[in-house]
Amino acid sequence: MSHDAGSTNPEAADPAEVSTVVPRGTARVAIEYCTQCRWLLRAAWVAQELLQTFRTRLGEVALVPGTDGVFRVTLDAGDGPVLLWDRKTDGGFPEIPDLKRRVRDAVAPDLALGHTDRAAARSAGAGEAAPAE
């Protein structure tokens, strides 16, 4: 009689059979970048930051080659693409914390961004006047 050592160990379950607590996201982020400007690495870094932060809450992050100095980030959460950032109209490249907040607000409003949220709160508080004594 053969004995499968893995059959008595619940931790040895096939990962494909284990259900995940967080359902896989369906939102799609597209990062369109200028190939002539050689912005592929910048676009890939932005993609990596979003994938690392949102893990399974995003269904896809796509790198889309473009021209003419384009660097645009769009998000489609199921109701059509929404422009999150455009280098030409927003004035330069996005700060990663700002972009993460914009993505979070659309796809995972319950997700805490840790130091990114704390830094934003400090920045918002810096513009307020101190209470009079």
N, C-alpha and C. Protein backbone atom coordinates (compact mmCIF):
# COMPACT_ATOMS: atom_id res chain seq x y z
N MET A 1 0.84 -1.17 0.00
CA MET A 1 0.00 0.00 0.00
C MET A 1 0.89 1.24 0.00
N SER A 2 0.68 2.12 -0.95
CA SER A 2 1.49 3.33 -0.97
C SER A 2 0.82 4.39 -0.12
N HIS A 3 1.65 5.26 0.45
CA HIS A 3 1.15 6.31 1.32
C HIS A 3 1.68 7.63 0.82
N ASP A 4 0.78 8.56 0.55
CA ASP A 4 1.18 9.89 0.09
C ASP A 4 1.41 10.76 1.31
N ALA A 5 2.66 11.12 1.55
CA ALA A 5 3.01 11.90 2.73
C ALA A 5 2.31 13.26 2.73
N GLY A 6 2.03 13.80 1.56
CA GLY A 6 1.40 15.12 1.48
C GLY A 6 -0.07 15.09 1.79
N SER A 7 -0.70 13.92 1.77
CA SER A 7 -2.15 13.87 1.95
C SER A 7 -2.57 14.15 3.38
N THR A 8 -1.71 13.94 4.36
CA THR A 8 -2.07 14.19 5.75
C THR A 8 -1.65 15.57 6.22
N ASN A 9 -0.94 16.30 5.40
CA ASN A 9 -0.46 17.62 5.77
C ASN A 9 -1.31 18.68 5.09
N PRO A 10 -2.12 19.44 5.85
CA PRO A 10 -2.99 20.44 5.23
C PRO A 10 -2.20 21.56 4.57
N GLU A 11 -0.96 21.79 5.00
CA GLU A 11 -0.16 22.85 4.41
C GLU A 11 0.39 22.45 3.04
N ALA A 12 0.30 21.18 2.70
CA ALA A 12 0.82 20.70 1.43
C ALA A 12 -0.24 20.72 0.33
N ALA A 13 -1.33 21.44 0.54
CA ALA A 13 -2.41 21.49 -0.45
C ALA A 13 -1.91 22.15 -1.73
N ASP A 14 -2.50 21.73 -2.82
CA ASP A 14 -2.15 22.30 -4.12
C ASP A 14 -2.57 23.77 -4.13
N PRO A 15 -1.63 24.71 -4.43
CA PRO A 15 -1.97 26.13 -4.42
C PRO A 15 -3.11 26.47 -5.36
N ALA A 16 -3.30 25.70 -6.42
CA ALA A 16 -4.39 25.98 -7.36
C ALA A 16 -5.75 25.69 -6.74
N GLU A 17 -5.78 24.83 -5.71
CA GLU A 17 -7.04 24.47 -5.07
C GLU A 17 -7.37 25.36 -3.87
N VAL A 18 -6.41 26.14 -3.41
CA VAL A 18 -6.62 27.00 -2.25
C VAL A 18 -7.25 28.30 -2.73
N SER A 19 -8.39 28.66 -2.14
CA SER A 19 -9.04 29.89 -2.55
C SER A 19 -8.36 31.06 -1.86
N THR A 20 -8.32 32.20 -2.54
CA THR A 20 -7.72 33.39 -1.96
C THR A 20 -8.81 34.21 -1.30
N VAL A 21 -8.43 34.96 -0.28
CA VAL A 21 -9.38 35.79 0.43
C VAL A 21 -9.75 37.01 -0.41
N VAL A 22 -8.76 37.63 -1.04
CA VAL A 22 -9.00 38.82 -1.85
C VAL A 22 -9.21 38.40 -3.30
N PRO A 23 -10.37 38.71 -3.88
CA PRO A 23 -10.59 38.33 -5.27
C PRO A 23 -9.66 39.12 -6.20
N ARG A 24 -9.29 38.50 -7.28
CA ARG A 24 -8.41 39.15 -8.23
C ARG A 24 -9.12 40.34 -8.85
N GLY A 25 -8.39 41.44 -8.96
CA GLY A 25 -8.95 42.65 -9.52
C GLY A 25 -9.15 42.55 -11.02
N THR A 26 -9.97 43.42 -11.53
CA THR A 26 -10.22 43.46 -12.96
C THR A 26 -9.81 44.79 -13.56
N ALA A 27 -9.39 45.73 -12.73
CA ALA A 27 -9.01 47.05 -13.23
C ALA A 27 -7.75 46.95 -14.09
N ARG A 28 -7.72 47.77 -15.14
CA ARG A 28 -6.57 47.78 -16.05
C ARG A 28 -5.93 49.16 -16.02
N VAL A 29 -4.64 49.20 -15.77
CA VAL A 29 -3.86 50.43 -15.85
C VAL A 29 -3.04 50.36 -17.13
N ALA A 30 -3.06 51.42 -17.91
CA ALA A 30 -2.22 51.50 -19.11
C ALA A 30 -1.26 52.67 -18.95
N ILE A 31 0.01 52.41 -19.17
CA ILE A 31 1.04 53.44 -19.10
C ILE A 31 1.59 53.62 -20.51
N GLU A 32 1.20 54.71 -21.14
CA GLU A 32 1.68 54.99 -22.49
C GLU A 32 2.91 55.87 -22.37
N TYR A 33 4.00 55.46 -23.01
CA TYR A 33 5.28 56.15 -22.88
C TYR A 33 5.90 56.39 -24.26
N CYS A 34 6.75 57.40 -24.36
CA CYS A 34 7.40 57.74 -25.61
C CYS A 34 8.64 56.87 -25.82
N THR A 35 8.63 56.11 -26.91
CA THR A 35 9.79 55.27 -27.23
C THR A 35 10.95 56.12 -27.74
N GLN A 36 10.65 57.21 -28.44
CA GLN A 36 11.70 58.10 -28.96
C GLN A 36 12.47 58.77 -27.82
N CYS A 37 11.78 58.99 -26.70
CA CYS A 37 12.39 59.64 -25.53
C CYS A 37 13.08 58.63 -24.62
N ARG A 38 12.91 57.36 -24.93
CA ARG A 38 13.50 56.27 -24.14
C ARG A 38 12.96 56.24 -22.70
N TRP A 39 11.65 56.34 -22.59
CA TRP A 39 11.02 56.35 -21.28
C TRP A 39 10.48 54.98 -20.86
N LEU A 40 10.93 53.92 -21.52
CA LEU A 40 10.48 52.58 -21.16
C LEU A 40 10.82 52.24 -19.71
N LEU A 41 12.05 52.53 -19.27
CA LEU A 41 12.42 52.18 -17.89
C LEU A 41 11.58 52.94 -16.87
N ARG A 42 11.30 54.20 -17.15
CA ARG A 42 10.44 54.98 -16.24
C ARG A 42 9.05 54.37 -16.18
N ALA A 43 8.50 54.01 -17.34
CA ALA A 43 7.17 53.39 -17.40
C ALA A 43 7.17 52.05 -16.67
N ALA A 44 8.22 51.26 -16.86
CA ALA A 44 8.30 49.96 -16.19
C ALA A 44 8.42 50.13 -14.68
N TRP A 45 9.14 51.15 -14.24
CA TRP A 45 9.26 51.42 -12.80
C TRP A 45 7.90 51.80 -12.20
N VAL A 46 7.15 52.64 -12.90
CA VAL A 46 5.81 53.02 -12.44
C VAL A 46 4.93 51.77 -12.37
N ALA A 47 5.01 50.92 -13.38
CA ALA A 47 4.23 49.67 -13.39
C ALA A 47 4.60 48.80 -12.21
N GLN A 48 5.89 48.66 -11.95
CA GLN A 48 6.36 47.83 -10.83
C GLN A 48 5.84 48.37 -9.50
N GLU A 49 5.88 49.68 -9.32
CA GLU A 49 5.39 50.29 -8.08
C GLU A 49 3.89 50.01 -7.89
N LEU A 50 3.12 50.13 -8.95
CA LEU A 50 1.68 49.89 -8.85
C LEU A 50 1.39 48.42 -8.59
N LEU A 51 2.08 47.53 -9.29
CA LEU A 51 1.87 46.09 -9.08
C LEU A 51 2.28 45.66 -7.68
N GLN A 52 3.36 46.21 -7.18
CA GLN A 52 3.82 45.84 -5.84
C GLN A 52 2.85 46.36 -4.78
N THR A 53 2.31 47.54 -4.98
CA THR A 53 1.40 48.12 -3.99
C THR A 53 0.03 47.47 -4.02
N PHE A 54 -0.52 47.26 -5.21
CA PHE A 54 -1.90 46.80 -5.32
C PHE A 54 -2.04 45.30 -5.54
N ARG A 55 -0.94 44.61 -5.75
CA ARG A 55 -0.88 43.16 -5.88
C ARG A 55 -2.02 42.61 -6.72
N THR A 56 -2.95 41.89 -6.12
CA THR A 56 -4.02 41.25 -6.89
C THR A 56 -5.24 42.15 -7.09
N ARG A 57 -5.19 43.37 -6.60
CA ARG A 57 -6.33 44.27 -6.78
C ARG A 57 -6.39 44.87 -8.18
N LEU A 58 -5.30 44.74 -8.92
CA LEU A 58 -5.28 45.14 -10.32
C LEU A 58 -5.28 43.89 -11.17
N GLY A 59 -6.01 43.91 -12.25
CA GLY A 59 -6.01 42.77 -13.15
C GLY A 59 -4.90 42.83 -14.17
N GLU A 60 -4.46 44.05 -14.50
CA GLU A 60 -3.43 44.21 -15.53
C GLU A 60 -2.80 45.58 -15.43
N VAL A 61 -1.50 45.63 -15.68
CA VAL A 61 -0.79 46.89 -15.89
C VAL A 61 -0.06 46.73 -17.22
N ALA A 62 -0.43 47.55 -18.19
CA ALA A 62 0.12 47.43 -19.55
C ALA A 62 1.06 48.58 -19.87
N LEU A 63 2.14 48.27 -20.56
CA LEU A 63 3.05 49.27 -21.10
C LEU A 63 2.71 49.44 -22.57
N VAL A 64 2.39 50.67 -22.96
CA VAL A 64 1.92 50.95 -24.31
C VAL A 64 2.90 51.91 -24.99
N PRO A 65 3.65 51.44 -25.99
CA PRO A 65 4.60 52.32 -26.66
C PRO A 65 3.90 53.43 -27.43
N GLY A 66 4.46 54.64 -27.35
CA GLY A 66 3.92 55.78 -28.06
C GLY A 66 5.05 56.66 -28.58
N THR A 67 4.70 57.85 -29.05
CA THR A 67 5.68 58.79 -29.59
C THR A 67 5.33 60.20 -29.15
N ASP A 68 6.08 61.16 -29.65
CA ASP A 68 5.79 62.59 -29.45
C ASP A 68 5.79 63.02 -27.99
N GLY A 69 6.66 62.44 -27.17
CA GLY A 69 6.80 62.87 -25.78
C GLY A 69 5.66 62.48 -24.86
N VAL A 70 4.90 61.46 -25.23
CA VAL A 70 3.75 61.06 -24.42
C VAL A 70 4.20 60.29 -23.17
N PHE A 71 3.58 60.60 -22.06
CA PHE A 71 3.66 59.78 -20.85
C PHE A 71 2.32 59.96 -20.16
N ARG A 72 1.45 58.97 -20.37
CA ARG A 72 0.06 59.06 -19.93
C ARG A 72 -0.30 57.80 -19.16
N VAL A 73 -1.02 57.97 -18.05
CA VAL A 73 -1.47 56.83 -17.25
C VAL A 73 -2.99 56.86 -17.22
N THR A 74 -3.61 55.76 -17.67
CA THR A 74 -5.07 55.66 -17.63
C THR A 74 -5.47 54.44 -16.82
N LEU A 75 -6.67 54.49 -16.28
CA LEU A 75 -7.22 53.41 -15.47
C LEU A 75 -8.61 53.08 -15.98
N ASP A 76 -8.85 51.80 -16.21
CA ASP A 76 -10.18 51.34 -16.59
C ASP A 76 -10.64 50.34 -15.54
N ALA A 77 -11.55 50.78 -14.69
CA ALA A 77 -12.07 49.92 -13.61
C ALA A 77 -13.39 49.28 -14.02
N GLY A 78 -13.68 49.26 -15.31
CA GLY A 78 -14.89 48.62 -15.79
C GLY A 78 -15.90 49.56 -16.40
N ASP A 79 -15.69 50.86 -16.21
CA ASP A 79 -16.64 51.83 -16.75
C ASP A 79 -15.97 52.75 -17.77
N GLY A 80 -14.96 52.24 -18.44
CA GLY A 80 -14.25 53.01 -19.45
C GLY A 80 -12.99 53.64 -18.89
N PRO A 81 -12.02 53.92 -19.74
CA PRO A 81 -10.74 54.47 -19.27
C PRO A 81 -10.88 55.89 -18.74
N VAL A 82 -10.16 56.15 -17.65
CA VAL A 82 -10.11 57.47 -17.02
C VAL A 82 -8.65 57.90 -16.99
N LEU A 83 -8.39 59.11 -17.43
CA LEU A 83 -7.03 59.63 -17.44
C LEU A 83 -6.61 59.99 -16.02
N LEU A 84 -5.53 59.37 -15.53
CA LEU A 84 -5.01 59.67 -14.20
C LEU A 84 -3.87 60.68 -14.26
N TRP A 85 -3.08 60.61 -15.34
CA TRP A 85 -1.93 61.50 -15.46
C TRP A 85 -1.56 61.68 -16.92
N ASP A 86 -1.25 62.91 -17.29
CA ASP A 86 -0.75 63.21 -18.62
C ASP A 86 0.41 64.18 -18.46
N ARG A 87 1.58 63.77 -18.88
CA ARG A 87 2.79 64.59 -18.69
C ARG A 87 2.62 65.98 -19.29
N LYS A 88 1.97 66.08 -20.42
CA LYS A 88 1.84 67.37 -21.10
C LYS A 88 0.88 68.32 -20.38
N THR A 89 -0.21 67.81 -19.85
CA THR A 89 -1.19 68.69 -19.19
C THR A 89 -0.94 68.83 -17.70
N ASP A 90 -0.35 67.79 -17.07
CA ASP A 90 -0.11 67.85 -15.63
C ASP A 90 1.27 68.38 -15.28
N GLY A 91 2.10 68.62 -16.28
CA GLY A 91 3.39 69.24 -16.03
C GLY A 91 4.44 68.28 -15.51
N GLY A 92 4.90 67.38 -16.32
CA GLY A 92 5.97 66.47 -15.92
C GLY A 92 5.46 65.08 -15.60
N PHE A 93 6.30 64.35 -14.90
CA PHE A 93 5.98 62.97 -14.56
C PHE A 93 5.27 62.91 -13.20
N PRO A 94 4.45 61.89 -13.00
CA PRO A 94 3.73 61.80 -11.72
C PRO A 94 4.65 61.42 -10.57
N GLU A 95 4.39 61.98 -9.41
CA GLU A 95 5.03 61.50 -8.19
C GLU A 95 4.32 60.20 -7.84
N ILE A 96 5.09 59.17 -7.53
CA ILE A 96 4.50 57.85 -7.28
C ILE A 96 3.46 57.89 -6.16
N PRO A 97 3.70 58.56 -5.02
CA PRO A 97 2.66 58.58 -3.99
C PRO A 97 1.33 59.17 -4.48
N ASP A 98 1.40 60.23 -5.29
CA ASP A 98 0.18 60.83 -5.83
C ASP A 98 -0.55 59.86 -6.75
N LEU A 99 0.21 59.19 -7.61
CA LEU A 99 -0.40 58.24 -8.54
C LEU A 99 -1.01 57.06 -7.80
N LYS A 100 -0.32 56.57 -6.77
CA LYS A 100 -0.86 55.46 -5.97
C LYS A 100 -2.17 55.86 -5.30
N ARG A 101 -2.25 57.08 -4.80
CA ARG A 101 -3.50 57.53 -4.17
C ARG A 101 -4.63 57.58 -5.19
N ARG A 102 -4.33 58.05 -6.39
CA ARG A 102 -5.37 58.12 -7.43
C ARG A 102 -5.87 56.73 -7.82
N VAL A 103 -4.94 55.79 -7.95
CA VAL A 103 -5.34 54.41 -8.28
C VAL A 103 -6.11 53.82 -7.11
N ARG A 104 -5.61 53.99 -5.91
CA ARG A 104 -6.27 53.44 -4.71
C ARG A 104 -7.70 53.96 -4.59
N ASP A 105 -7.88 55.25 -4.76
CA ASP A 105 -9.21 55.85 -4.62
C ASP A 105 -10.21 55.24 -5.60
N ALA A 106 -9.73 54.77 -6.75
CA ALA A 106 -10.62 54.19 -7.76
C ALA A 106 -10.85 52.70 -7.58
N VAL A 107 -9.83 51.95 -7.15
CA VAL A 107 -9.97 50.49 -7.14
C VAL A 107 -9.96 49.85 -5.76
N ALA A 108 -9.43 50.54 -4.76
CA ALA A 108 -9.33 49.94 -3.43
C ALA A 108 -9.37 51.01 -2.35
N PRO A 109 -10.50 51.73 -2.23
CA PRO A 109 -10.56 52.84 -1.27
C PRO A 109 -10.30 52.42 0.17
N ASP A 110 -10.47 51.13 0.47
CA ASP A 110 -10.24 50.64 1.83
C ASP A 110 -8.77 50.35 2.11
N LEU A 111 -7.91 50.42 1.11
CA LEU A 111 -6.51 50.06 1.26
C LEU A 111 -5.71 51.22 1.85
N ALA A 112 -5.03 50.96 2.96
CA ALA A 112 -4.15 51.96 3.57
C ALA A 112 -2.81 51.93 2.84
N LEU A 113 -2.30 53.10 2.51
CA LEU A 113 -1.03 53.18 1.80
C LEU A 113 0.15 53.47 2.73
N GLY A 114 -0.05 53.36 4.01
CA GLY A 114 1.04 53.50 4.97
C GLY A 114 1.71 54.86 4.91
N HIS A 115 3.03 54.85 4.69
CA HIS A 115 3.80 56.09 4.71
C HIS A 115 3.34 57.08 3.64
N THR A 116 2.78 56.60 2.56
CA THR A 116 2.28 57.49 1.51
C THR A 116 1.11 58.32 2.03
N ASP A 117 0.20 57.70 2.78
CA ASP A 117 -0.93 58.43 3.37
C ASP A 117 -0.45 59.38 4.46
N ARG A 118 0.50 58.93 5.28
CA ARG A 118 0.99 59.79 6.36
C ARG A 118 1.70 61.03 5.80
N ALA A 119 2.48 60.87 4.75
CA ALA A 119 3.17 62.01 4.14
C ALA A 119 2.16 63.00 3.56
N ALA A 120 1.10 62.51 2.95
CA ALA A 120 0.07 63.38 2.39
C ALA A 120 -0.64 64.16 3.49
N ALA A 121 -0.90 63.50 4.62
CA ALA A 121 -1.56 64.17 5.74
C ALA A 121 -0.66 65.27 6.31
N ARG A 122 0.64 64.99 6.39
CA ARG A 122 1.57 66.01 6.89
C ARG A 122 1.62 67.20 5.94
N SER A 123 1.63 66.94 4.64
CA SER A 123 1.67 68.02 3.65
C SER A 123 0.40 68.86 3.73
N ALA A 124 -0.73 68.23 3.90
CA ALA A 124 -2.00 68.96 3.99
C ALA A 124 -2.04 69.80 5.26
N GLY A 125 -1.50 69.28 6.35
CA GLY A 125 -1.48 70.00 7.61
C GLY A 125 -0.49 71.14 7.63
N ALA A 126 0.53 71.09 6.80
CA ALA A 126 1.56 72.13 6.78
C ALA A 126 1.00 73.45 6.27
N GLY A 127 -0.04 73.41 5.47
CA GLY A 127 -0.62 74.62 4.91
C GLY A 127 -1.64 75.28 5.82
N GLU A 128 -2.00 74.61 6.92
CA GLU A 128 -2.99 75.16 7.83
C GLU A 128 -2.33 76.09 8.85
N ALA A 129 -3.03 77.10 9.24
CA ALA A 129 -2.51 78.03 10.25
C ALA A 129 -2.58 77.39 11.62
N ALA A 130 -1.61 77.73 12.46
CA ALA A 130 -1.60 77.22 13.83
C ALA A 130 -2.72 77.89 14.61
N PRO A 131 -3.35 77.16 15.54
CA PRO A 131 -4.44 77.76 16.32
C PRO A 131 -3.93 78.90 17.19
N ALA A 132 -4.72 79.95 17.31
CA ALA A 132 -4.34 81.11 18.13
C ALA A 132 -4.50 80.77 19.60
N GLU A 133 -3.57 81.26 20.38
CA GLU A 133 -3.64 81.00 21.83
C GLU A 133 -4.08 82.22 22.56
